[in-house]
N, C-alpha and C. Protein backbone atom coordinates (compact mmCIF):
# COMPACT_ATOMS: atom_id res chain seq x y z
N MET A 1 222.13 111.70 81.58
CA MET A 1 221.92 110.70 82.60
C MET A 1 223.24 110.48 83.35
N VAL A 2 223.16 110.49 84.69
CA VAL A 2 224.36 110.29 85.49
C VAL A 2 224.71 108.82 85.59
N ASN A 3 225.99 108.56 85.81
CA ASN A 3 226.49 107.20 85.93
C ASN A 3 227.16 107.06 87.30
N PRO A 4 226.46 106.46 88.28
CA PRO A 4 227.05 106.34 89.62
C PRO A 4 228.32 105.48 89.63
N TYR A 5 228.50 104.63 88.64
CA TYR A 5 229.71 103.82 88.56
C TYR A 5 230.94 104.66 88.23
N ARG A 6 230.71 105.85 87.68
CA ARG A 6 231.80 106.81 87.42
C ARG A 6 231.90 107.83 88.55
N GLY A 7 231.05 107.71 89.58
CA GLY A 7 231.05 108.66 90.68
C GLY A 7 230.31 109.93 90.34
N GLU A 8 229.28 109.83 89.51
CA GLU A 8 228.53 111.00 89.08
C GLU A 8 227.24 111.15 89.88
N ALA A 9 226.87 112.40 90.10
CA ALA A 9 225.59 112.76 90.71
C ALA A 9 225.07 113.96 89.94
N GLU A 10 223.78 114.25 90.07
CA GLU A 10 223.22 115.37 89.32
C GLU A 10 222.79 116.50 90.24
N LEU A 11 222.76 117.68 89.67
CA LEU A 11 222.30 118.89 90.36
C LEU A 11 221.53 119.72 89.35
N VAL A 12 220.34 120.17 89.73
CA VAL A 12 219.53 121.01 88.84
C VAL A 12 219.74 122.46 89.22
N VAL A 13 220.24 123.23 88.27
CA VAL A 13 220.51 124.65 88.46
C VAL A 13 219.81 125.41 87.34
N GLY A 14 218.93 126.31 87.73
CA GLY A 14 218.21 127.10 86.73
C GLY A 14 217.38 126.24 85.78
N GLY A 15 216.84 125.14 86.30
CA GLY A 15 216.03 124.25 85.50
C GLY A 15 216.80 123.31 84.60
N GLN A 16 218.12 123.37 84.65
CA GLN A 16 218.96 122.53 83.80
C GLN A 16 219.72 121.51 84.67
N VAL A 17 219.71 120.26 84.23
CA VAL A 17 220.41 119.19 84.95
C VAL A 17 221.89 119.25 84.59
N HIS A 18 222.74 119.24 85.63
CA HIS A 18 224.19 119.22 85.45
C HIS A 18 224.75 117.97 86.12
N VAL A 19 225.75 117.39 85.51
CA VAL A 19 226.44 116.23 86.07
C VAL A 19 227.60 116.71 86.92
N MET A 20 227.70 116.16 88.14
CA MET A 20 228.82 116.48 89.02
C MET A 20 229.69 115.23 89.17
N ARG A 21 230.98 115.48 89.34
CA ARG A 21 231.93 114.38 89.54
C ARG A 21 233.15 114.92 90.28
N LEU A 22 233.62 114.18 91.27
CA LEU A 22 234.80 114.59 92.02
C LEU A 22 236.00 113.79 91.55
N THR A 23 236.74 114.35 90.62
CA THR A 23 237.97 113.72 90.15
C THR A 23 239.04 113.91 91.22
N LEU A 24 240.12 113.19 91.10
CA LEU A 24 241.21 113.30 92.08
C LEU A 24 241.76 114.72 92.13
N GLY A 25 241.95 115.34 90.98
CA GLY A 25 242.45 116.71 90.94
C GLY A 25 241.49 117.69 91.59
N VAL A 26 240.21 117.52 91.33
CA VAL A 26 239.19 118.39 91.93
C VAL A 26 239.14 118.18 93.44
N LEU A 27 239.27 116.92 93.88
CA LEU A 27 239.29 116.64 95.32
C LEU A 27 240.47 117.33 96.00
N ALA A 28 241.62 117.31 95.35
CA ALA A 28 242.80 117.96 95.92
C ALA A 28 242.58 119.47 96.04
N GLU A 29 241.99 120.07 95.01
CA GLU A 29 241.68 121.50 95.07
C GLU A 29 240.67 121.80 96.17
N LEU A 30 239.65 120.96 96.27
CA LEU A 30 238.60 121.15 97.28
C LEU A 30 239.18 121.04 98.69
N GLU A 31 240.03 120.07 98.89
CA GLU A 31 240.67 119.88 100.20
C GLU A 31 241.41 121.16 100.61
N ALA A 32 242.13 121.75 99.66
CA ALA A 32 242.87 122.99 99.94
C ALA A 32 241.90 124.15 100.19
N GLU A 33 240.87 124.27 99.36
CA GLU A 33 239.91 125.36 99.51
C GLU A 33 239.18 125.29 100.85
N MET A 34 238.91 124.07 101.31
CA MET A 34 238.20 123.89 102.59
C MET A 34 239.16 123.90 103.78
N GLU A 35 240.46 124.01 103.49
CA GLU A 35 241.49 124.00 104.53
C GLU A 35 241.34 122.77 105.43
N ALA A 36 241.09 121.63 104.79
CA ALA A 36 240.94 120.37 105.51
C ALA A 36 242.30 119.73 105.71
N ASP A 37 242.47 119.07 106.85
CA ASP A 37 243.73 118.39 107.14
C ASP A 37 243.94 117.16 106.27
N SER A 38 242.85 116.54 105.86
CA SER A 38 242.92 115.34 105.03
C SER A 38 241.61 115.17 104.27
N LEU A 39 241.63 114.26 103.34
CA LEU A 39 240.43 113.95 102.57
C LEU A 39 239.33 113.43 103.51
N MET A 40 239.68 112.58 104.43
CA MET A 40 238.69 112.03 105.35
C MET A 40 238.16 113.10 106.31
N ASP A 41 239.00 114.06 106.67
CA ASP A 41 238.55 115.18 107.51
C ASP A 41 237.46 115.96 106.77
N MET A 42 237.69 116.17 105.50
CA MET A 42 236.72 116.90 104.68
C MET A 42 235.40 116.14 104.59
N VAL A 43 235.46 114.85 104.31
CA VAL A 43 234.26 114.03 104.20
C VAL A 43 233.53 113.98 105.53
N GLN A 44 234.27 113.88 106.62
CA GLN A 44 233.67 113.79 107.95
C GLN A 44 232.85 115.04 108.28
N ARG A 45 233.28 116.19 107.81
CA ARG A 45 232.50 117.41 108.04
C ARG A 45 231.07 117.25 107.52
N PHE A 46 230.96 116.64 106.35
CA PHE A 46 229.64 116.47 105.76
C PHE A 46 228.87 115.33 106.42
N GLU A 47 229.55 114.27 106.77
CA GLU A 47 228.88 113.13 107.40
C GLU A 47 228.32 113.48 108.76
N THR A 48 228.99 114.36 109.50
CA THR A 48 228.55 114.71 110.85
C THR A 48 227.68 115.96 110.88
N GLY A 49 227.48 116.58 109.73
CA GLY A 49 226.66 117.80 109.70
C GLY A 49 227.42 119.03 110.15
N GLY A 50 228.74 118.93 110.24
CA GLY A 50 229.56 120.05 110.70
C GLY A 50 230.07 120.94 109.58
N PHE A 51 229.36 120.98 108.47
CA PHE A 51 229.80 121.79 107.33
C PHE A 51 229.10 123.14 107.33
N SER A 52 229.77 124.11 106.72
CA SER A 52 229.21 125.45 106.60
C SER A 52 228.59 125.62 105.21
N ALA A 53 227.87 126.71 105.03
CA ALA A 53 227.31 127.01 103.70
C ALA A 53 228.45 127.17 102.70
N ARG A 54 229.56 127.75 103.14
CA ARG A 54 230.73 127.90 102.27
C ARG A 54 231.26 126.54 101.83
N ASP A 55 231.34 125.59 102.77
CA ASP A 55 231.78 124.23 102.44
C ASP A 55 230.86 123.61 101.39
N LEU A 56 229.56 123.80 101.57
CA LEU A 56 228.58 123.24 100.64
C LEU A 56 228.76 123.82 99.24
N VAL A 57 228.92 125.13 99.16
CA VAL A 57 229.12 125.78 97.86
C VAL A 57 230.42 125.30 97.22
N LEU A 58 231.48 125.21 98.00
CA LEU A 58 232.76 124.73 97.46
C LEU A 58 232.64 123.31 96.92
N LEU A 59 231.95 122.43 97.66
CA LEU A 59 231.79 121.05 97.22
C LEU A 59 230.99 120.96 95.93
N LEU A 60 229.88 121.66 95.87
CA LEU A 60 229.05 121.61 94.66
C LEU A 60 229.77 122.20 93.46
N LYS A 61 230.46 123.32 93.65
CA LYS A 61 231.21 123.91 92.54
C LYS A 61 232.33 122.97 92.07
N ALA A 62 232.99 122.30 93.02
CA ALA A 62 234.03 121.34 92.66
C ALA A 62 233.44 120.19 91.86
N GLY A 63 232.29 119.70 92.31
CA GLY A 63 231.63 118.62 91.59
C GLY A 63 231.23 119.02 90.18
N LEU A 64 230.74 120.24 90.05
CA LEU A 64 230.38 120.74 88.72
C LEU A 64 231.62 120.88 87.83
N ARG A 65 232.72 121.41 88.40
CA ARG A 65 233.97 121.51 87.64
C ARG A 65 234.42 120.14 87.17
N GLY A 66 234.38 119.17 88.06
CA GLY A 66 234.78 117.81 87.72
C GLY A 66 233.89 117.19 86.66
N GLY A 67 232.64 117.65 86.60
CA GLY A 67 231.71 117.18 85.59
C GLY A 67 231.79 117.97 84.29
N GLY A 68 232.70 118.97 84.26
CA GLY A 68 232.92 119.74 83.04
C GLY A 68 232.05 120.96 82.89
N CYS A 69 231.54 121.50 84.00
CA CYS A 69 230.62 122.63 83.93
C CYS A 69 231.02 123.72 84.93
N GLU A 70 230.96 124.94 84.49
CA GLU A 70 231.16 126.09 85.38
C GLU A 70 229.87 126.90 85.39
N VAL A 71 229.17 126.91 86.53
CA VAL A 71 227.93 127.67 86.64
C VAL A 71 227.88 128.40 87.97
N GLU A 72 227.06 129.42 88.02
CA GLU A 72 226.77 130.06 89.29
C GLU A 72 225.69 129.23 89.97
N LEU A 73 225.78 129.10 91.27
CA LEU A 73 224.85 128.24 91.99
C LEU A 73 223.60 128.98 92.41
N ASP A 74 222.49 128.63 91.80
CA ASP A 74 221.16 129.02 92.23
C ASP A 74 220.35 127.73 92.14
N VAL A 75 220.60 126.85 93.10
CA VAL A 75 220.09 125.48 93.04
C VAL A 75 218.57 125.46 93.14
N ASP A 76 217.95 124.78 92.19
CA ASP A 76 216.51 124.59 92.25
C ASP A 76 216.18 123.77 93.49
N GLY A 77 215.35 124.29 94.35
CA GLY A 77 214.99 123.59 95.58
C GLY A 77 215.68 124.15 96.81
N GLY A 78 216.66 125.03 96.61
CA GLY A 78 217.31 125.70 97.73
C GLY A 78 218.37 124.89 98.46
N PRO A 79 218.72 125.32 99.67
CA PRO A 79 219.84 124.74 100.39
C PRO A 79 219.65 123.29 100.80
N ILE A 80 218.44 122.87 101.08
CA ILE A 80 218.22 121.47 101.47
C ILE A 80 218.50 120.55 100.29
N VAL A 81 218.00 120.92 99.12
CA VAL A 81 218.25 120.13 97.91
C VAL A 81 219.74 120.15 97.58
N ALA A 82 220.38 121.29 97.79
CA ALA A 82 221.83 121.40 97.55
C ALA A 82 222.59 120.45 98.46
N ALA A 83 222.21 120.41 99.74
CA ALA A 83 222.87 119.53 100.70
C ALA A 83 222.63 118.06 100.34
N GLN A 84 221.42 117.73 99.88
CA GLN A 84 221.13 116.36 99.47
C GLN A 84 221.97 115.96 98.26
N ALA A 85 222.11 116.88 97.31
CA ALA A 85 222.93 116.60 96.13
C ALA A 85 224.39 116.42 96.52
N ALA A 86 224.87 117.24 97.46
CA ALA A 86 226.25 117.12 97.93
C ALA A 86 226.46 115.78 98.61
N ALA A 87 225.49 115.35 99.42
CA ALA A 87 225.59 114.06 100.09
C ALA A 87 225.64 112.92 99.07
N LYS A 88 224.82 113.01 98.05
CA LYS A 88 224.80 111.99 97.00
C LYS A 88 226.15 111.96 96.27
N LEU A 89 226.69 113.14 95.99
CA LEU A 89 227.98 113.23 95.31
C LEU A 89 229.08 112.56 96.12
N LEU A 90 229.13 112.84 97.40
CA LEU A 90 230.14 112.20 98.25
C LEU A 90 229.92 110.70 98.34
N ALA A 91 228.67 110.29 98.44
CA ALA A 91 228.37 108.86 98.55
C ALA A 91 228.83 108.10 97.30
N VAL A 92 228.53 108.63 96.12
CA VAL A 92 228.91 107.90 94.90
C VAL A 92 230.41 108.02 94.63
N THR A 93 231.03 109.06 95.12
CA THR A 93 232.47 109.20 94.93
C THR A 93 233.24 108.16 95.73
N PHE A 94 232.79 107.89 96.94
CA PHE A 94 233.54 107.00 97.82
C PHE A 94 232.91 105.63 98.00
N ALA A 95 231.87 105.33 97.24
CA ALA A 95 231.22 104.02 97.32
C ALA A 95 231.91 103.02 96.39
N VAL A 96 231.86 101.79 96.78
CA VAL A 96 232.32 100.71 95.91
C VAL A 96 231.05 100.04 95.40
N LEU A 97 230.69 100.36 94.15
CA LEU A 97 229.46 99.81 93.56
C LEU A 97 229.77 98.51 92.84
N GLU A 98 228.87 97.59 92.97
CA GLU A 98 229.07 96.29 92.31
C GLU A 98 228.07 96.10 91.20
């Protein structure tokens, strides 16, 4: 079970639920991999729909790494479900939950 208070989101790969989390270290790696000028530049790509398939894969893999899992991405539900999971991951990472 994911805990949004820890910034966790889930992704189903190969029928198995995986927990994703963007730790500070993983965010720094992702920022470099995406060649983003800043953390907010990276987030804005996703918020405005200006992200590439490569960006999506990098984000999901980073989230899985932060959640303690290394898997190949064959997301159940395809690219739309992958994009929805990525959006959820970013939302819980940068949300202030009460």
